[in-house]
Amino acid sequence: MLNRFPFGPMRGVLADEAERAIDAAFAGPLPEVVGRSLVERRVPERVVAAMLDASARQDGAGDAVEQVLRSPALERWLASEDAARVAALATDRIVQSDAFRRAVADLISSPEVRKALTETAGGFGEDAAVAARTRARTADFRVEAWAHGLLHREPSRPGYGGVVSRGLALVVDGLLAQIVFLVAAASVAVVLGLAGDLRPGWLDGVLVGGGWLLVVGAYFTTFWTATGETPGMFLMHVRVKAPSGEAPSLLRSLVRVVGLILAIIPLGAGFLPALVDSRRRALPDYLAGTTVVYEP
């Protein structure tokens, strides 16, 4: 089956990983466990019974089969240590054989096993995302209820994204944008490194700061304009909308990026209005005329 694996170079990697997994299993207590299980489940007795029964059907030796199976001597031998050693020896030879190794390797690398592992991992990831969204929305209402109770304000309208959900989405997007920036900065550094000492010392700082603003701005503007949600917002099931109900335009997205930076500078104080506003709008929403809503 490994020879029919469709991904060419990956075939050898999977085969090596499968062989290492099998060697690790055989180095442990697997042979002894299999031998003990064979004795406890009376496998040799059942095999002998099946063989004698088949022989009896062919040769008409039914009485002889019954006598052998009911023989106290056979039962005593099957319960003895000699039978256990024979079973363990036979099991050890089986699991050490090339045929058994190939069978296990084929099983591990089979499409069915890979599909099952993929579905299990995907299901676990989706469950974790749903749990995170549920807890975040619960926290949205609890934090807001505390703020409204402190200021004696009416609850906000339902359906608008709260500060906890939006904050978690911003953290995810910040990490992704930083990764994009680091990759871009590394690429630019390679090019600038060729210039050696020809550039002034202050140029590095200007390029880093300007590059960071450019990457972050492009990241948020692109996603907000295209779909109304960044990857972090998609994870938390919240979306930015213009007054028309559609995704914000390019100009609104650019203004919202400026508002986002201004809201972060005073230690995130620009997001506090979302706790008391009836539509949970923060500084970026006031400047760009947008709102953030929960996705169904």
Protein backbone atom coordinates (compact mmCIF):
# COMPACT_ATOMS: atom_id res chain seq x y z
CA MET A 1 0.00 0.00 0.00
CA LEU A 2 2.88 2.35 0.71
CA ASN A 3 4.00 1.85 -2.89
CA ARG A 4 0.65 3.13 -4.03
CA PHE A 5 0.81 6.21 -1.80
CA PRO A 6 0.06 9.15 -4.14
CA PHE A 7 2.36 11.76 -2.67
CA GLY A 8 5.72 10.50 -3.90
CA PRO A 9 8.36 11.97 -1.54
CA MET A 10 6.08 11.68 1.47
CA ARG A 11 5.91 7.91 1.01
CA GLY A 12 9.41 7.30 2.36
CA VAL A 13 8.85 9.66 5.30
CA LEU A 14 5.66 7.85 6.32
CA ALA A 15 7.35 4.48 5.93
CA ASP A 16 10.26 5.55 8.14
CA GLU A 17 7.92 6.98 10.78
CA ALA A 18 5.81 3.82 10.73
CA GLU A 19 8.91 1.63 11.08
CA ARG A 20 10.16 3.66 14.05
CA ALA A 21 6.74 3.45 15.71
CA ILE A 22 6.66 -0.33 15.21
CA ASP A 23 10.23 -0.75 16.56
CA ALA A 24 9.31 1.28 19.62
CA ALA A 25 6.23 -0.86 20.20
CA PHE A 26 8.19 -4.11 19.82
CA ALA A 27 10.88 -2.89 22.21
CA GLY A 28 8.25 -2.54 24.94
CA PRO A 29 6.03 -5.12 26.60
CA LEU A 30 3.94 -5.78 23.47
CA PRO A 31 5.24 -9.35 22.79
CA GLU A 32 4.73 -10.41 26.41
CA VAL A 33 1.26 -8.84 26.52
CA VAL A 34 0.22 -10.63 23.33
CA GLY A 35 1.58 -13.97 24.61
CA ARG A 36 -0.21 -13.62 27.94
CA SER A 37 -3.44 -12.70 26.14
CA LEU A 38 -3.14 -15.77 23.92
CA VAL A 39 -2.92 -18.00 26.98
CA GLU A 40 -5.65 -16.24 28.94
CA ARG A 41 -8.02 -16.35 25.97
CA ARG A 42 -7.17 -20.04 25.36
CA VAL A 43 -6.26 -19.28 21.76
CA PRO A 44 -4.07 -22.40 21.29
CA GLU A 45 -6.90 -24.57 22.57
CA ARG A 46 -9.36 -23.01 20.16
CA VAL A 47 -6.93 -23.34 17.25
CA VAL A 48 -6.28 -27.01 18.03
CA ALA A 49 -10.01 -27.59 18.39
CA ALA A 50 -10.71 -25.98 15.03
CA MET A 51 -7.98 -27.99 13.33
CA LEU A 52 -9.12 -31.27 14.86
CA ASP A 53 -12.73 -30.49 14.08
CA ALA A 54 -11.86 -29.84 10.44
CA SER A 55 -9.88 -33.05 10.33
CA ALA A 56 -12.78 -34.92 11.92
CA ARG A 57 -15.19 -33.65 9.30
CA GLN A 58 -12.87 -34.84 6.56
CA ASP A 59 -11.82 -38.18 8.04
CA GLY A 60 -14.84 -39.03 10.18
CA ALA A 61 -12.78 -39.01 13.37
CA GLY A 62 -15.35 -37.16 15.49
CA ASP A 63 -14.94 -39.40 18.52
CA ALA A 64 -11.17 -38.93 18.51
CA VAL A 65 -11.61 -35.16 18.41
CA GLU A 66 -13.92 -35.21 21.40
CA GLN A 67 -11.51 -37.37 23.37
CA VAL A 68 -8.58 -35.08 22.65
CA LEU A 69 -10.50 -31.94 23.54
CA ARG A 70 -11.77 -33.41 26.80
CA SER A 71 -8.41 -34.83 27.75
CA PRO A 72 -7.33 -33.63 31.24
CA ALA A 73 -3.73 -33.85 30.10
CA LEU A 74 -4.37 -31.26 27.33
CA GLU A 75 -6.10 -28.93 29.77
CA ARG A 76 -3.24 -29.21 32.26
CA TRP A 77 -0.68 -28.48 29.53
CA LEU A 78 -2.58 -25.41 28.29
CA ALA A 79 -2.60 -24.07 31.86
CA SER A 80 1.11 -24.74 32.38
CA GLU A 81 4.08 -22.43 31.98
CA ASP A 82 5.28 -24.49 29.03
CA ALA A 83 2.18 -23.48 27.05
CA ALA A 84 2.73 -19.85 27.99
CA ARG A 85 6.36 -20.00 26.83
CA VAL A 86 5.33 -21.63 23.55
CA ALA A 87 2.65 -18.96 22.96
CA ALA A 88 5.09 -16.16 23.83
CA LEU A 89 7.72 -17.61 21.50
CA ALA A 90 5.22 -17.95 18.67
CA THR A 91 3.93 -14.42 19.26
CA ASP A 92 7.44 -12.99 19.33
CA ARG A 93 8.29 -14.63 16.01
CA ILE A 94 5.06 -13.33 14.47
CA VAL A 95 5.48 -9.71 15.56
CA GLN A 96 9.16 -9.72 14.55
CA SER A 97 8.42 -11.02 11.09
CA ASP A 98 8.68 -8.77 8.03
CA ALA A 99 5.16 -9.65 6.96
CA PHE A 100 3.71 -8.45 10.28
CA ARG A 101 5.74 -5.23 10.11
CA ARG A 102 4.55 -4.55 6.58
CA ALA A 103 0.94 -5.18 7.62
CA VAL A 104 1.19 -2.73 10.53
CA ALA A 105 2.95 -0.14 8.35
CA ASP A 106 0.23 -0.45 5.72
CA LEU A 107 -2.41 -0.01 8.41
CA ILE A 108 -0.78 3.10 9.88
CA SER A 109 -0.31 4.77 6.49
CA SER A 110 -3.68 3.74 5.09
CA PRO A 111 -6.07 6.47 3.83
CA GLU A 112 -8.71 5.32 6.32
CA VAL A 113 -6.42 5.90 9.31
CA ARG A 114 -5.27 9.30 7.99
CA LYS A 115 -8.88 10.32 7.37
CA ALA A 116 -9.91 9.27 10.87
CA LEU A 117 -7.04 11.24 12.43
CA THR A 118 -7.86 14.30 10.32
CA GLU A 119 -11.54 14.19 11.22
CA THR A 120 -10.73 13.76 14.90
CA ALA A 121 -8.32 16.70 14.91
CA GLY A 122 -10.75 18.86 12.94
CA GLY A 123 -13.62 18.00 15.26
CA PHE A 124 -11.52 18.81 18.31
CA GLY A 125 -10.47 22.17 16.84
CA GLU A 126 -14.06 23.10 16.02
CA ASP A 127 -15.23 22.13 19.50
CA ALA A 128 -12.49 24.27 21.03
CA ALA A 129 -13.44 27.24 18.83
CA VAL A 130 -17.13 26.91 19.73
CA ALA A 131 -16.28 26.74 23.44
CA ALA A 132 -14.06 29.83 23.13
CA ARG A 133 -16.78 31.79 21.33
CA THR A 134 -19.41 30.78 23.87
CA ARG A 135 -17.28 31.80 26.84
CA ALA A 136 -16.27 35.05 25.17
CA ARG A 137 -19.87 36.06 24.52
CA THR A 138 -20.81 35.20 28.10
CA ALA A 139 -17.94 37.39 29.27
CA ASP A 140 -19.12 40.18 26.94
CA PHE A 141 -22.45 40.42 28.72
CA ARG A 142 -20.99 40.03 32.21
CA VAL A 143 -18.42 42.79 31.75
CA GLU A 144 -20.97 45.05 30.15
CA ALA A 145 -23.54 44.35 32.89
CA TRP A 146 -20.94 45.32 35.49
CA ALA A 147 -20.13 48.59 33.68
CA HIS A 148 -23.80 49.46 33.14
CA GLY A 149 -24.62 48.73 36.76
CA LEU A 150 -21.76 50.93 37.89
CA LEU A 151 -22.89 53.84 35.67
CA HIS A 152 -26.65 53.15 35.93
CA ARG A 153 -27.09 52.85 32.17
CA GLU A 154 -29.52 50.80 30.11
CA PRO A 155 -28.31 47.55 28.49
CA SER A 156 -27.04 47.78 24.92
CA ARG A 157 -28.98 46.52 21.94
CA PRO A 158 -28.60 42.79 21.25
CA GLY A 159 -26.51 41.52 18.37
CA TYR A 160 -23.50 43.83 18.63
CA GLY A 161 -20.06 42.40 19.36
CA GLY A 162 -18.76 42.87 22.90
CA VAL A 163 -15.34 43.91 24.13
CA VAL A 164 -14.14 40.42 25.11
CA SER A 165 -14.94 38.81 21.75
CA ARG A 166 -13.45 41.75 19.88
CA GLY A 167 -10.41 41.78 22.15
CA LEU A 168 -9.65 38.10 21.56
CA ALA A 169 -10.08 38.60 17.82
CA LEU A 170 -7.65 41.53 17.96
CA VAL A 171 -5.06 39.44 19.81
CA VAL A 172 -5.24 36.72 17.14
CA ASP A 173 -5.01 39.28 14.34
CA GLY A 174 -2.13 41.05 16.05
CA LEU A 175 -0.15 37.80 16.18
CA LEU A 176 -0.88 37.01 12.54
CA ALA A 177 0.00 40.52 11.40
CA GLN A 178 3.25 40.36 13.37
CA ILE A 179 4.15 37.06 11.69
CA VAL A 180 3.50 38.61 8.28
CA PHE A 181 5.65 41.61 9.22
CA LEU A 182 8.53 39.44 10.43
CA VAL A 183 8.53 37.46 7.21
CA ALA A 184 8.47 40.65 5.13
CA ALA A 185 11.15 42.28 7.30
CA ALA A 186 13.43 39.28 6.95
CA SER A 187 13.08 39.43 3.18
CA VAL A 188 13.84 43.15 3.10
CA ALA A 189 16.80 42.70 5.47
CA VAL A 190 18.39 40.28 3.04
CA VAL A 191 18.17 42.85 0.25
CA LEU A 192 19.40 45.73 2.42
CA GLY A 193 22.24 43.61 3.72
CA LEU A 194 23.73 43.67 0.26
CA ALA A 195 24.13 47.45 0.56
CA GLY A 196 26.47 47.04 3.54
CA ASP A 197 27.41 50.34 5.20
CA LEU A 198 26.10 52.53 2.39
CA ARG A 199 22.87 53.36 4.27
CA PRO A 200 22.79 55.75 7.26
CA GLY A 201 22.19 54.30 10.74
CA TRP A 202 18.81 55.98 11.25
CA LEU A 203 17.43 54.36 8.12
CA ASP A 204 16.97 50.97 9.80
CA GLY A 205 14.66 52.36 12.46
CA VAL A 206 12.60 54.30 9.92
CA LEU A 207 12.23 51.26 7.71
CA VAL A 208 11.19 49.02 10.60
CA GLY A 209 8.61 51.45 11.95
CA GLY A 210 7.23 52.35 8.55
CA GLY A 211 7.18 48.74 7.45
CA TRP A 212 5.26 47.69 10.56
CA LEU A 213 2.60 50.36 10.00
CA LEU A 214 2.34 49.41 6.35
CA VAL A 215 1.95 45.68 7.01
CA VAL A 216 -0.57 46.11 9.85
CA GLY A 217 -2.57 48.65 7.88
CA ALA A 218 -2.63 46.44 4.79
CA TYR A 219 -3.59 43.40 6.87
CA PHE A 220 -6.68 44.94 8.48
CA THR A 221 -7.70 47.07 5.50
CA THR A 222 -7.60 44.15 3.09
CA PHE A 223 -9.72 41.82 5.22
CA TRP A 224 -12.22 44.45 6.33
CA THR A 225 -12.77 45.69 2.78
CA ALA A 226 -12.95 42.23 1.20
CA THR A 227 -15.10 40.31 3.68
CA GLY A 228 -15.77 42.55 6.68
CA GLU A 229 -13.86 40.22 9.00
CA THR A 230 -10.25 39.37 9.73
CA PRO A 231 -9.14 35.80 10.55
CA GLY A 232 -9.41 36.61 14.26
CA MET A 233 -12.93 37.98 13.80
CA PHE A 234 -13.83 34.93 11.75
CA LEU A 235 -12.69 32.74 14.64
CA MET A 236 -14.83 34.69 17.13
CA HIS A 237 -17.77 35.05 14.70
CA VAL A 238 -17.90 38.85 14.66
CA ARG A 239 -17.98 41.13 11.62
CA VAL A 240 -17.48 44.82 10.79
CA LYS A 241 -20.34 46.52 8.96
CA ALA A 242 -20.80 49.92 7.37
CA PRO A 243 -24.08 51.85 7.88
CA SER A 244 -25.40 50.18 4.71
CA GLY A 245 -24.96 46.74 6.29
CA GLU A 246 -22.20 45.80 3.85
CA ALA A 247 -18.47 45.45 4.41
CA PRO A 248 -16.78 48.84 4.87
CA SER A 249 -15.25 50.56 1.87
CA LEU A 250 -11.52 51.02 1.45
CA LEU A 251 -11.68 54.57 2.83
CA ARG A 252 -13.69 53.50 5.90
CA SER A 253 -11.27 50.62 6.51
CA LEU A 254 -8.28 52.98 6.35
CA VAL A 255 -9.94 55.38 8.81
CA ARG A 256 -10.78 52.45 11.07
CA VAL A 257 -7.13 51.33 11.07
CA VAL A 258 -6.12 54.82 12.21
CA GLY A 259 -8.78 54.66 14.93
CA LEU A 260 -7.52 51.23 15.96
CA ILE A 261 -3.98 52.53 16.45
CA LEU A 262 -5.24 55.58 18.36
CA ALA A 263 -7.36 53.33 20.60
CA ILE A 264 -4.37 51.13 21.44
CA ILE A 265 -1.91 53.95 22.22
CA PRO A 266 -3.51 55.03 25.57
CA LEU A 267 -3.26 51.45 26.88
CA GLY A 268 -6.46 50.41 25.12
CA ALA A 269 -8.60 53.18 26.60
CA GLY A 270 -10.06 53.84 23.16
CA PHE A 271 -12.06 50.59 23.43
CA LEU A 272 -13.77 51.48 26.73
CA PRO A 273 -16.70 53.32 25.07
CA ALA A 274 -17.88 49.93 23.80
CA LEU A 275 -18.81 49.07 27.40
CA VAL A 276 -21.41 51.83 27.64
CA ASP A 277 -22.42 52.59 24.06
CA SER A 278 -25.84 51.24 23.03
CA ARG A 279 -24.29 49.66 19.92
CA ARG A 280 -21.00 48.75 21.61
CA ARG A 281 -18.98 51.12 19.44
CA ALA A 282 -15.37 51.91 20.25
CA LEU A 283 -13.15 54.74 18.98
CA PRO A 284 -12.45 53.06 15.60
CA ASP A 285 -16.20 52.67 15.04
CA TYR A 286 -16.93 56.31 15.90
CA LEU A 287 -14.29 57.54 13.46
CA ALA A 288 -15.22 55.21 10.59
CA GLY A 289 -18.98 55.07 11.19
CA THR A 290 -18.95 51.26 11.52
CA THR A 291 -20.36 48.72 13.94
CA VAL A 292 -19.26 45.22 14.94
CA VAL A 293 -21.96 42.54 15.07
CA TYR A 294 -22.12 38.91 16.04
CA GLU A 295 -22.31 36.37 13.24
CA PRO A 296 -25.12 33.79 13.60
